[in-house]
């Protein structure tokens, strides 16, 4: 910590920096990351969400594409893949 301002040359600041609630939430989130099969569950939920989005797009003829890999997904409003 001697390198961080005001003692040292490294300046660090942010809206939630040092906020006790934000720090507690971060610690709780990190503890959850070691839950067995967590990533598999997250990926399965994401696959269901993406399938539902693609179905809704097809049923409503909205010009959109859903790009996804594992738990990351995004919608592009275009007819082109």
PDB file of N, CA and C in Angstrom:
ATOM      1  N   UNK A   1       0.811  -1.201   0.000  1.00  0.00           N
ATOM      2  CA  UNK A   1       0.000   0.000   0.000  1.00  0.00           C
ATOM      3  C   UNK A   1       0.854   1.265   0.000  1.00  0.00           C
ATOM      4  N   UNK A   2       2.120   1.133   0.255  1.00  0.00           N
ATOM      5  CA  UNK A   2       2.988   2.306   0.230  1.00  0.00           C
ATOM      6  C   UNK A   2       3.146   2.871  -1.181  1.00  0.00           C
ATOM      7  N   UNK A   3       2.778   2.091  -2.200  1.00  0.00           N
ATOM      8  CA  UNK A   3       2.874   2.567  -3.580  1.00  0.00           C
ATOM      9  C   UNK A   3       1.633   3.336  -4.015  1.00  0.00           C
ATOM     10  N   UNK A   4       0.559   3.225  -3.242  1.00  0.00           N
ATOM     11  CA  UNK A   4      -0.703   3.864  -3.606  1.00  0.00           C
ATOM     12  C   UNK A   4      -0.789   5.242  -2.962  1.00  0.00           C
ATOM     13  N   UNK A   5      -1.276   6.223  -3.749  1.00  0.00           N
ATOM     14  CA  UNK A   5      -1.437   7.588  -3.235  1.00  0.00           C
ATOM     15  C   UNK A   5      -2.328   7.569  -1.995  1.00  0.00           C
ATOM     16  N   UNK A   6      -2.103   8.374  -1.011  1.00  0.00           N
ATOM     17  CA  UNK A   6      -1.214   9.528  -1.019  1.00  0.00           C
ATOM     18  C   UNK A   6       0.232   9.207  -0.652  1.00  0.00           C
ATOM     19  N   UNK A   7       0.530   7.959  -0.257  1.00  0.00           N
ATOM     20  CA  UNK A   7       1.904   7.632   0.132  1.00  0.00           C
ATOM     21  C   UNK A   7       2.826   7.416  -1.061  1.00  0.00           C
ATOM     22  N   UNK A   8       2.291   6.880  -2.152  1.00  0.00           N
ATOM     23  CA  UNK A   8       3.127   6.559  -3.298  1.00  0.00           C
ATOM     24  C   UNK A   8       2.634   7.197  -4.577  1.00  0.00           C
ATOM     25  N   UNK A   9       3.268   6.849  -5.709  1.00  0.00           N
ATOM     26  CA  UNK A   9       2.977   7.492  -6.986  1.00  0.00           C
ATOM     27  C   UNK A   9       1.762   6.932  -7.734  1.00  0.00           C
ATOM     28  N   UNK A  10       1.193   5.819  -7.270  1.00  0.00           N
ATOM     29  CA  UNK A  10       0.079   5.192  -7.992  1.00  0.00           C
ATOM     30  C   UNK A  10      -1.238   5.739  -7.473  1.00  0.00           C
ATOM     31  N   UNK A  11      -1.999   6.354  -8.383  1.00  0.00           N
ATOM     32  CA  UNK A  11      -3.288   6.917  -8.007  1.00  0.00           C
ATOM     33  C   UNK A  11      -4.370   5.893  -8.328  1.00  0.00           C
ATOM     34  N   UNK A  12      -5.238   5.611  -7.382  1.00  0.00           N
ATOM     35  CA  UNK A  12      -6.334   4.684  -7.579  1.00  0.00           C
ATOM     36  C   UNK A  12      -7.597   5.295  -7.008  1.00  0.00           C
ATOM     37  N   UNK A  13      -8.646   5.339  -7.809  1.00  0.00           N
ATOM     38  CA  UNK A  13      -9.916   5.871  -7.323  1.00  0.00           C
ATOM     39  C   UNK A  13     -11.032   5.297  -8.166  1.00  0.00           C
ATOM     40  N   UNK A  14     -12.212   5.329  -7.651  1.00  0.00           N
ATOM     41  CA  UNK A  14     -13.376   4.844  -8.375  1.00  0.00           C
ATOM     42  C   UNK A  14     -14.614   5.083  -7.541  1.00  0.00           C
ATOM     43  N   UNK A  15     -15.753   5.007  -8.174  1.00  0.00           N
ATOM     44  CA  UNK A  15     -17.011   5.274  -7.488  1.00  0.00           C
ATOM     45  C   UNK A  15     -17.202   4.367  -6.284  1.00  0.00           C
ATOM     46  N   UNK A  16     -16.850   3.083  -6.433  1.00  0.00           N
ATOM     47  CA  UNK A  16     -17.069   2.124  -5.356  1.00  0.00           C
ATOM     48  C   UNK A  16     -15.780   1.702  -4.655  1.00  0.00           C
ATOM     49  N   UNK A  17     -14.674   2.365  -4.941  1.00  0.00           N
ATOM     50  CA  UNK A  17     -13.404   2.002  -4.331  1.00  0.00           C
ATOM     51  C   UNK A  17     -13.478   2.131  -2.816  1.00  0.00           C
ATOM     52  N   UNK A  18     -13.284   1.031  -2.142  1.00  0.00           N
ATOM     53  CA  UNK A  18     -13.293   1.044  -0.683  1.00  0.00           C
ATOM     54  C   UNK A  18     -14.679   1.078  -0.068  1.00  0.00           C
ATOM     55  N   UNK A  19     -15.725   1.066  -0.876  1.00  0.00           N
ATOM     56  CA  UNK A  19     -17.086   1.075  -0.362  1.00  0.00           C
ATOM     57  C   UNK A  19     -17.353  -0.268   0.312  1.00  0.00           C
ATOM     58  N   UNK A  20     -17.733  -0.293   1.596  1.00  0.00           N
ATOM     59  CA  UNK A  20     -17.903  -1.558   2.315  1.00  0.00           C
ATOM     60  C   UNK A  20     -18.946  -2.478   1.691  1.00  0.00           C
ATOM     61  N   UNK A  21     -20.030  -1.934   1.191  1.00  0.00           N
ATOM     62  CA  UNK A  21     -21.055  -2.772   0.575  1.00  0.00           C
ATOM     63  C   UNK A  21     -20.534  -3.390  -0.722  1.00  0.00           C
ATOM     64  N   UNK A  22     -19.858  -2.593  -1.538  1.00  0.00           N
ATOM     65  CA  UNK A  22     -19.309  -3.099  -2.792  1.00  0.00           C
ATOM     66  C   UNK A  22     -18.238  -4.157  -2.520  1.00  0.00           C
ATOM     67  N   UNK A  23     -17.417  -3.936  -1.529  1.00  0.00           N
ATOM     68  CA  UNK A  23     -16.371  -4.902  -1.185  1.00  0.00           C
ATOM     69  C   UNK A  23     -16.991  -6.211  -0.691  1.00  0.00           C
ATOM     70  N   UNK A  24     -18.026  -6.122   0.129  1.00  0.00           N
ATOM     71  CA  UNK A  24     -18.705  -7.326   0.625  1.00  0.00           C
ATOM     72  C   UNK A  24     -19.344  -8.096  -0.522  1.00  0.00           C
ATOM     73  N   UNK A  25     -19.951  -7.383  -1.451  1.00  0.00           N
ATOM     74  CA  UNK A  25     -20.569  -8.028  -2.610  1.00  0.00           C
ATOM     75  C   UNK A  25     -19.508  -8.709  -3.471  1.00  0.00           C
ATOM     76  N   UNK A  26     -18.390  -8.069  -3.654  1.00  0.00           N
ATOM     77  CA  UNK A  26     -17.304  -8.656  -4.438  1.00  0.00           C
ATOM     78  C   UNK A  26     -16.754  -9.908  -3.796  1.00  0.00           C
ATOM     79  N   UNK A  27     -16.553  -9.878  -2.502  1.00  0.00           N
ATOM     80  CA  UNK A  27     -16.047 -11.053  -1.783  1.00  0.00           C
ATOM     81  C   UNK A  27     -17.056 -12.200  -1.873  1.00  0.00           C
ATOM     82  N   UNK A  28     -18.343 -11.891  -1.708  1.00  0.00           N
ATOM     83  CA  UNK A  28     -19.384 -12.920  -1.803  1.00  0.00           C
ATOM     84  C   UNK A  28     -19.408 -13.523  -3.206  1.00  0.00           C
ATOM     85  N   UNK A  29     -19.261 -12.684  -4.235  1.00  0.00           N
ATOM     86  CA  UNK A  29     -19.250 -13.182  -5.612  1.00  0.00           C
ATOM     87  C   UNK A  29     -18.050 -14.093  -5.848  1.00  0.00           C
ATOM     88  N   UNK A  30     -16.885 -13.695  -5.357  1.00  0.00           N
ATOM     89  CA  UNK A  30     -15.686 -14.521  -5.528  1.00  0.00           C
ATOM     90  C   UNK A  30     -15.839 -15.875  -4.853  1.00  0.00           C
ATOM     91  N   UNK A  31     -16.469 -15.904  -3.697  1.00  0.00           N
ATOM     92  CA  UNK A  31     -16.697 -17.176  -2.995  1.00  0.00           C
ATOM     93  C   UNK A  31     -17.602 -18.101  -3.798  1.00  0.00           C
ATOM     94  N   UNK A  32     -18.552 -17.534  -4.535  1.00  0.00           N
ATOM     95  CA  UNK A  32     -19.467 -18.345  -5.340  1.00  0.00           C
ATOM     96  C   UNK A  32     -18.767 -18.987  -6.536  1.00  0.00           C
ATOM     97  N   UNK A  33     -17.676 -18.405  -6.983  1.00  0.00           N
ATOM     98  CA  UNK A  33     -16.993 -18.912  -8.166  1.00  0.00           C
ATOM     99  C   UNK A  33     -16.383 -20.288  -7.972  1.00  0.00           C
ATOM    100  N   UNK A  34     -16.271 -20.764  -6.747  1.00  0.00           N
ATOM    101  CA  UNK A  34     -15.726 -22.098  -6.492  1.00  0.00           C
ATOM    102  C   UNK A  34     -16.833 -23.136  -6.314  1.00  0.00           C
ATOM    103  N   UNK A  35     -18.089 -22.740  -6.503  1.00  0.00           N
ATOM    104  CA  UNK A  35     -19.198 -23.675  -6.397  1.00  0.00           C
ATOM    105  C   UNK A  35     -19.050 -24.751  -7.463  1.00  0.00           C
ATOM    106  N   UNK A  36     -19.165 -26.036  -7.071  1.00  0.00           N
ATOM    107  CA  UNK A  36     -19.042 -27.114  -8.058  1.00  0.00           C
ATOM    108  C   UNK A  36     -20.083 -26.958  -9.179  1.00  0.00           C
ATOM    109  N   UNK A  37     -19.640 -27.174 -10.399  1.00  0.00           N
ATOM    110  CA  UNK A  37     -20.492 -27.130 -11.598  1.00  0.00           C
ATOM    111  C   UNK A  37     -21.102 -25.752 -11.873  1.00  0.00           C
ATOM    112  N   UNK A  38     -20.598 -24.710 -11.247  1.00  0.00           N
ATOM    113  CA  UNK A  38     -21.157 -23.373 -11.445  1.00  0.00           C
ATOM    114  C   UNK A  38     -21.146 -22.965 -12.919  1.00  0.00           C
ATOM    115  N   UNK A  39     -20.004 -23.114 -13.561  1.00  0.00           N
ATOM    116  CA  UNK A  39     -19.882 -22.662 -14.940  1.00  0.00           C
ATOM    117  C   UNK A  39     -20.751 -23.488 -15.880  1.00  0.00           C
ATOM    118  N   UNK A  40     -20.876 -24.785 -15.609  1.00  0.00           N
ATOM    119  CA  UNK A  40     -21.754 -25.619 -16.413  1.00  0.00           C
ATOM    120  C   UNK A  40     -23.205 -25.149 -16.286  1.00  0.00           C
ATOM    121  N   UNK A  41     -23.617 -24.817 -15.062  1.00  0.00           N
ATOM    122  CA  UNK A  41     -24.977 -24.330 -14.842  1.00  0.00           C
ATOM    123  C   UNK A  41     -25.205 -22.992 -15.543  1.00  0.00           C
ATOM    124  N   UNK A  42     -24.236 -22.109 -15.440  1.00  0.00           N
ATOM    125  CA  UNK A  42     -24.357 -20.800 -16.091  1.00  0.00           C
ATOM    126  C   UNK A  42     -24.455 -20.978 -17.603  1.00  0.00           C
ATOM    127  N   UNK A  43     -23.627 -21.857 -18.163  1.00  0.00           N
ATOM    128  CA  UNK A  43     -23.655 -22.096 -19.604  1.00  0.00           C
ATOM    129  C   UNK A  43     -24.982 -22.714 -20.040  1.00  0.00           C
ATOM    130  N   UNK A  44     -25.521 -23.647 -19.257  1.00  0.00           N
ATOM    131  CA  UNK A  44     -26.816 -24.254 -19.585  1.00  0.00           C
ATOM    132  C   UNK A  44     -27.929 -23.211 -19.563  1.00  0.00           C
ATOM    133  N   UNK A  45     -27.913 -22.337 -18.561  1.00  0.00           N
ATOM    134  CA  UNK A  45     -28.918 -21.263 -18.495  1.00  0.00           C
ATOM    135  C   UNK A  45     -28.795 -20.331 -19.692  1.00  0.00           C
ATOM    136  N   UNK A  46     -27.565 -20.027 -20.069  1.00  0.00           N
ATOM    137  CA  UNK A  46     -27.338 -19.145 -21.218  1.00  0.00           C
ATOM    138  C   UNK A  46     -27.830 -19.801 -22.499  1.00  0.00           C
ATOM    139  N   UNK A  47     -27.598 -21.106 -22.652  1.00  0.00           N
ATOM    140  CA  UNK A  47     -28.068 -21.822 -23.842  1.00  0.00           C
ATOM    141  C   UNK A  47     -29.595 -21.775 -23.928  1.00  0.00           C
ATOM    142  N   UNK A  48     -30.275 -21.927 -22.801  1.00  0.00           N
ATOM    143  CA  UNK A  48     -31.740 -21.837 -22.783  1.00  0.00           C
ATOM    144  C   UNK A  48     -32.199 -20.435 -23.162  1.00  0.00           C
ATOM    145  N   UNK A  49     -31.530 -19.430 -22.628  1.00  0.00           N
ATOM    146  CA  UNK A  49     -31.878 -18.046 -22.950  1.00  0.00           C
ATOM    147  C   UNK A  49     -31.692 -17.771 -24.435  1.00  0.00           C
ATOM    148  N   UNK A  50     -30.561 -18.184 -24.983  1.00  0.00           N
ATOM    149  CA  UNK A  50     -30.268 -17.947 -26.400  1.00  0.00           C
ATOM    150  C   UNK A  50     -31.286 -18.683 -27.275  1.00  0.00           C
ATOM    151  N   UNK A  51     -31.619 -19.917 -26.923  1.00  0.00           N
ATOM    152  CA  UNK A  51     -32.616 -20.667 -27.688  1.00  0.00           C
ATOM    153  C   UNK A  51     -33.958 -19.939 -27.656  1.00  0.00           C
ATOM    154  N   UNK A  52     -34.344 -19.427 -26.504  1.00  0.00           N
ATOM    155  CA  UNK A  52     -35.589 -18.682 -26.379  1.00  0.00           C
ATOM    156  C   UNK A  52     -35.573 -17.399 -27.188  1.00  0.00           C
ATOM    157  N   UNK A  53     -34.451 -16.700 -27.179  1.00  0.00           N
ATOM    158  CA  UNK A  53     -34.335 -15.477 -27.974  1.00  0.00           C
ATOM    159  C   UNK A  53     -34.444 -15.784 -29.463  1.00  0.00           C
ATOM    160  N   UNK A  54     -33.754 -16.829 -29.896  1.00  0.00           N
ATOM    161  CA  UNK A  54     -33.795 -17.193 -31.310  1.00  0.00           C
ATOM    162  C   UNK A  54     -35.209 -17.612 -31.724  1.00  0.00           C
ATOM    163  N   UNK A  55     -35.894 -18.326 -30.858  1.00  0.00           N
ATOM    164  CA  UNK A  55     -37.268 -18.734 -31.146  1.00  0.00           C
ATOM    165  C   UNK A  55     -38.171 -17.511 -31.257  1.00  0.00           C
ATOM    166  N   UNK A  56     -38.053 -16.586 -30.314  1.00  0.00           N
ATOM    167  CA  UNK A  56     -38.874 -15.367 -30.335  1.00  0.00           C
ATOM    168  C   UNK A  56     -38.588 -14.539 -31.583  1.00  0.00           C
ATOM    169  N   UNK A  57     -37.336 -14.476 -31.981  1.00  0.00           N
ATOM    170  CA  UNK A  57     -36.963 -13.730 -33.191  1.00  0.00           C
ATOM    171  C   UNK A  57     -37.599 -14.375 -34.417  1.00  0.00           C
ATOM    172  N   UNK A  58     -37.527 -15.699 -34.482  1.00  0.00           N
ATOM    173  CA  UNK A  58     -38.100 -16.414 -35.627  1.00  0.00           C
ATOM    174  C   UNK A  58     -39.615 -16.253 -35.677  1.00  0.00           C
ATOM    175  N   UNK A  59     -40.265 -16.339 -34.527  1.00  0.00           N
ATOM    176  CA  UNK A  59     -41.729 -16.252 -34.471  1.00  0.00           C
ATOM    177  C   UNK A  59     -42.257 -14.858 -34.794  1.00  0.00           C
ATOM    178  N   UNK A  60     -41.477 -13.852 -34.525  1.00  0.00           N
ATOM    179  CA  UNK A  60     -41.930 -12.465 -34.730  1.00  0.00           C
ATOM    180  C   UNK A  60     -41.347 -11.829 -35.986  1.00  0.00           C
ATOM    181  N   UNK A  61     -40.510 -12.586 -36.699  1.00  0.00           N
ATOM    182  CA  UNK A  61     -39.873 -12.084 -37.923  1.00  0.00           C
ATOM    183  C   UNK A  61     -39.090 -10.800 -37.702  1.00  0.00           C
ATOM    184  N   UNK A  62     -38.533 -10.649 -36.539  1.00  0.00           N
ATOM    185  CA  UNK A  62     -37.668  -9.495 -36.264  1.00  0.00           C
ATOM    186  C   UNK A  62     -36.339  -9.728 -36.982  1.00  0.00           C
ATOM    187  N   UNK A  63     -35.832  -8.745 -37.709  1.00  0.00           N
ATOM    188  CA  UNK A  63     -34.543  -8.915 -38.383  1.00  0.00           C
ATOM    189  C   UNK A  63     -33.402  -8.847 -37.361  1.00  0.00           C
ATOM    190  N   UNK A  64     -33.086  -9.990 -36.807  1.00  0.00           N
ATOM    191  CA  UNK A  64     -32.063 -10.022 -35.759  1.00  0.00           C
ATOM    192  C   UNK A  64     -31.310 -11.338 -35.789  1.00  0.00           C
ATOM    193  N   UNK A  65     -30.121 -11.301 -35.233  1.00  0.00           N
ATOM    194  CA  UNK A  65     -29.254 -12.464 -35.095  1.00  0.00           C
ATOM    195  C   UNK A  65     -28.762 -12.504 -33.655  1.00  0.00           C
ATOM    196  N   UNK A  66     -28.655 -13.696 -33.101  1.00  0.00           N
ATOM    197  CA  UNK A  66     -28.079 -13.844 -31.764  1.00  0.00           C
ATOM    198  C   UNK A  66     -26.751 -14.556 -31.918  1.00  0.00           C
ATOM    199  N   UNK A  67     -25.691 -13.903 -31.554  1.00  0.00           N
ATOM    200  CA  UNK A  67     -24.365 -14.512 -31.525  1.00  0.00           C
ATOM    201  C   UNK A  67     -24.074 -14.916 -30.096  1.00  0.00           C
ATOM    202  N   UNK A  68     -23.571 -16.149 -29.917  1.00  0.00           N
ATOM    203  CA  UNK A  68     -23.333 -16.628 -28.562  1.00  0.00           C
ATOM    204  C   UNK A  68     -22.182 -17.616 -28.519  1.00  0.00           C
ATOM    205  N   UNK A  69     -21.495 -17.600 -27.413  1.00  0.00           N
ATOM    206  CA  UNK A  69     -20.517 -18.621 -27.092  1.00  0.00           C
ATOM    207  C   UNK A  69     -20.527 -18.777 -25.580  1.00  0.00           C
ATOM    208  N   UNK A  70     -20.743 -20.002 -25.151  1.00  0.00           N
ATOM    209  CA  UNK A  70     -20.846 -20.297 -23.727  1.00  0.00           C
ATOM    210  C   UNK A  70     -21.867 -19.375 -23.062  1.00  0.00           C
ATOM    211  N   UNK A  71     -21.464 -18.596 -22.080  1.00  0.00           N
ATOM    212  CA  UNK A  71     -22.432 -17.753 -21.364  1.00  0.00           C
ATOM    213  C   UNK A  71     -22.481 -16.315 -21.897  1.00  0.00           C
ATOM    214  N   UNK A  72     -21.808 -16.050 -22.987  1.00  0.00           N
ATOM    215  CA  UNK A  72     -21.811 -14.710 -23.565  1.00  0.00           C
ATOM    216  C   UNK A  72     -22.723 -14.685 -24.785  1.00  0.00           C
ATOM    217  N   UNK A  73     -23.603 -13.707 -24.846  1.00  0.00           N
ATOM    218  CA  UNK A  73     -24.513 -13.601 -25.981  1.00  0.00           C
ATOM    219  C   UNK A  73     -24.827 -12.136 -26.251  1.00  0.00           C
ATOM    220  N   UNK A  74     -25.145 -11.867 -27.512  1.00  0.00           N
ATOM    221  CA  UNK A  74     -25.545 -10.516 -27.889  1.00  0.00           C
ATOM    222  C   UNK A  74     -26.475 -10.589 -29.086  1.00  0.00           C
ATOM    223  N   UNK A  75     -27.358  -9.621 -29.182  1.00  0.00           N
ATOM    224  CA  UNK A  75     -28.292  -9.558 -30.300  1.00  0.00           C
ATOM    225  C   UNK A  75     -27.852  -8.446 -31.240  1.00  0.00           C
ATOM    226  N   UNK A  76     -27.839  -8.772 -32.532  1.00  0.00           N
ATOM    227  CA  UNK A  76     -27.591  -7.781 -33.573  1.00  0.00           C
ATOM    228  C   UNK A  76     -28.855  -7.656 -34.384  1.00  0.00           C
ATOM    229  N   UNK A  77     -29.371  -6.475 -34.527  1.00  0.00           N
ATOM    230  CA  UNK A  77     -30.590  -6.257 -35.288  1.00  0.00           C
ATOM    231  C   UNK A  77     -30.244  -6.051 -36.757  1.00  0.00           C
ATOM    232  N   UNK A  78     -30.116  -7.199 -37.439  1.00  0.00           N
ATOM    233  CA  UNK A  78     -29.766  -7.249 -38.850  1.00  0.00           C
ATOM    234  C   UNK A  78     -30.230  -8.586 -39.406  1.00  0.00           C
ATOM    235  N   UNK A  79     -30.397  -8.657 -40.707  1.00  0.00           N
ATOM    236  CA  UNK A  79     -30.749  -9.939 -41.336  1.00  0.00           C
ATOM    237  C   UNK A  79     -29.523 -10.765 -41.640  1.00  0.00           C
ATOM    238  N   UNK A  80     -28.365 -10.139 -41.630  1.00  0.00           N
ATOM    239  CA  UNK A  80     -27.123 -10.834 -41.961  1.00  0.00           C
ATOM    240  C   UNK A  80     -26.475 -11.439 -40.728  1.00  0.00           C
ATOM    241  N   UNK A  81     -26.004 -12.682 -40.876  1.00  0.00           N
ATOM    242  CA  UNK A  81     -25.284 -13.291 -39.727  1.00  0.00           C
ATOM    243  C   UNK A  81     -23.951 -12.607 -39.470  1.00  0.00           C
TER     244      UNK A  81
END
